Amino acid sequence: DLNTAAAGPWTFLSQEGTHPNGTNSAPNEEHWTIRRWTASGLGDVTPVRVVWHTRKANPNNDGVTGSLHLNGVELDTRTIAGNDATGFIRTYYLNLNND
């Protein structure tokens, strides 16, 4: 959101961070951030390693939940406490194709 005025939703996505808008700030609706990756130039079957890391940059208040999806199917989800600045790192090995 390039609007720097004090207007909701407060949602952003950066290289290492994300912040969804909750129901506690304008416009009082959940507004989730999503990071998508589309693989191009795949062969019939291409092995891919996916490493995902979820942690709190500001270990205050509520916790956070991260999830990993492939083609709309949830592969993994993990919730961490509000005071957890370490979080977790998970590695998945997937076989991707052109389909």
Protein backbone atom coordinates (compact mmCIF):
# COMPACT_ATOMS: atom_id res chain seq x y z
CA ASP A 1 0.00 0.00 0.00
CA LEU A 2 1.64 3.21 -1.13
CA ASN A 3 -0.94 5.37 0.64
CA THR A 4 0.96 6.85 3.57
CA ALA A 5 -2.11 8.60 5.00
CA ALA A 6 -3.57 7.21 8.21
CA ALA A 7 -6.08 4.97 6.46
CA GLY A 8 -6.71 1.23 6.63
CA PRO A 9 -6.05 -1.45 5.90
CA TRP A 10 -2.58 -1.59 7.46
CA THR A 11 -1.19 -4.39 5.31
CA PHE A 12 2.32 -4.77 3.90
CA LEU A 13 4.63 -7.41 2.48
CA SER A 14 8.41 -6.98 2.24
CA GLN A 15 11.41 -9.20 1.55
CA GLU A 16 11.50 -10.56 5.10
CA GLY A 17 8.35 -9.25 6.68
CA THR A 18 4.61 -9.18 6.45
CA HIS A 19 1.76 -7.58 8.35
CA PRO A 20 -1.89 -8.47 7.76
CA ASN A 21 -4.67 -6.12 8.80
CA GLY A 22 -6.78 -7.41 11.69
CA THR A 23 -10.32 -6.72 12.75
CA ASN A 24 -9.01 -4.25 15.35
CA SER A 25 -8.13 -1.48 12.85
CA ALA A 26 -9.86 0.21 9.92
CA PRO A 27 -11.71 -1.01 7.94
CA ASN A 28 -12.29 -3.63 10.71
CA GLU A 29 -11.86 -6.55 8.31
CA GLU A 30 -9.18 -9.24 8.06
CA HIS A 31 -6.84 -8.57 5.13
CA TRP A 32 -4.18 -11.29 4.77
CA THR A 33 -0.82 -11.01 3.04
CA ILE A 34 0.13 -13.79 0.64
CA ARG A 35 3.52 -14.49 -0.93
CA ARG A 36 3.21 -16.42 -4.18
CA TRP A 37 5.87 -18.08 -6.26
CA THR A 38 5.23 -19.42 -9.75
CA ALA A 39 7.76 -21.86 -11.15
CA SER A 40 8.55 -21.48 -14.84
CA GLY A 41 10.53 -23.64 -17.23
CA LEU A 42 9.85 -26.91 -15.44
CA GLY A 43 10.46 -30.28 -17.01
CA ASP A 44 8.19 -33.29 -16.56
CA VAL A 45 9.14 -33.55 -12.87
CA THR A 46 11.43 -31.05 -11.14
CA PRO A 47 12.55 -31.57 -7.52
CA VAL A 48 12.39 -28.34 -5.49
CA ARG A 49 13.44 -27.58 -1.92
CA VAL A 50 11.22 -25.05 -0.13
CA VAL A 51 12.54 -23.52 3.11
CA TRP A 52 10.13 -21.34 5.04
CA HIS A 53 10.78 -19.41 8.24
CA THR A 54 8.16 -17.83 10.48
CA ARG A 55 9.09 -15.64 13.43
CA LYS A 56 8.04 -12.46 15.18
CA ALA A 57 10.14 -9.35 14.50
CA ASN A 58 8.39 -7.62 17.40
CA PRO A 59 7.88 -10.17 20.21
CA ASN A 60 4.90 -8.40 21.77
CA ASN A 61 1.15 -8.91 21.79
CA ASP A 62 -0.43 -11.79 19.89
CA GLY A 63 1.19 -14.70 18.08
CA VAL A 64 1.36 -15.37 14.37
CA THR A 65 0.45 -18.26 12.09
CA GLY A 66 2.25 -19.20 8.90
CA SER A 67 1.15 -21.79 6.37
CA LEU A 68 2.58 -23.39 3.24
CA HIS A 69 0.29 -24.21 0.30
CA LEU A 70 0.86 -25.92 -3.05
CA ASN A 71 -1.81 -25.31 -5.70
CA GLY A 72 -4.30 -24.31 -3.01
CA VAL A 73 -3.65 -27.35 -0.79
CA GLU A 74 -2.28 -26.65 2.68
CA LEU A 75 0.90 -28.67 3.24
CA ASP A 76 1.91 -27.27 6.63
CA THR A 77 0.87 -24.69 9.20
CA ARG A 78 2.46 -23.50 12.40
CA THR A 79 1.47 -20.98 15.06
CA ILE A 80 4.01 -19.32 17.34
CA ALA A 81 3.48 -17.38 20.55
CA GLY A 82 3.53 -13.59 20.70
CA ASN A 83 6.84 -13.56 22.60
CA ASP A 84 8.65 -15.96 20.20
CA ALA A 85 11.26 -14.00 18.19
CA THR A 86 13.02 -17.23 17.12
CA GLY A 87 10.08 -18.97 15.46
CA PHE A 88 10.73 -22.03 13.32
CA ILE A 89 12.32 -23.10 10.06
CA ARG A 90 10.79 -25.89 8.01
CA THR A 91 12.10 -27.57 4.86
CA TYR A 92 9.92 -29.34 2.31
CA TYR A 93 11.02 -31.35 -0.71
CA LEU A 94 8.48 -31.23 -3.52
CA ASN A 95 8.28 -32.64 -7.02
CA LEU A 96 6.81 -30.00 -9.32
CA ASN A 97 5.69 -30.33 -12.91
CA ASN A 98 4.06 -28.30 -15.67
CA ASP A 99 0.50 -29.26 -14.62
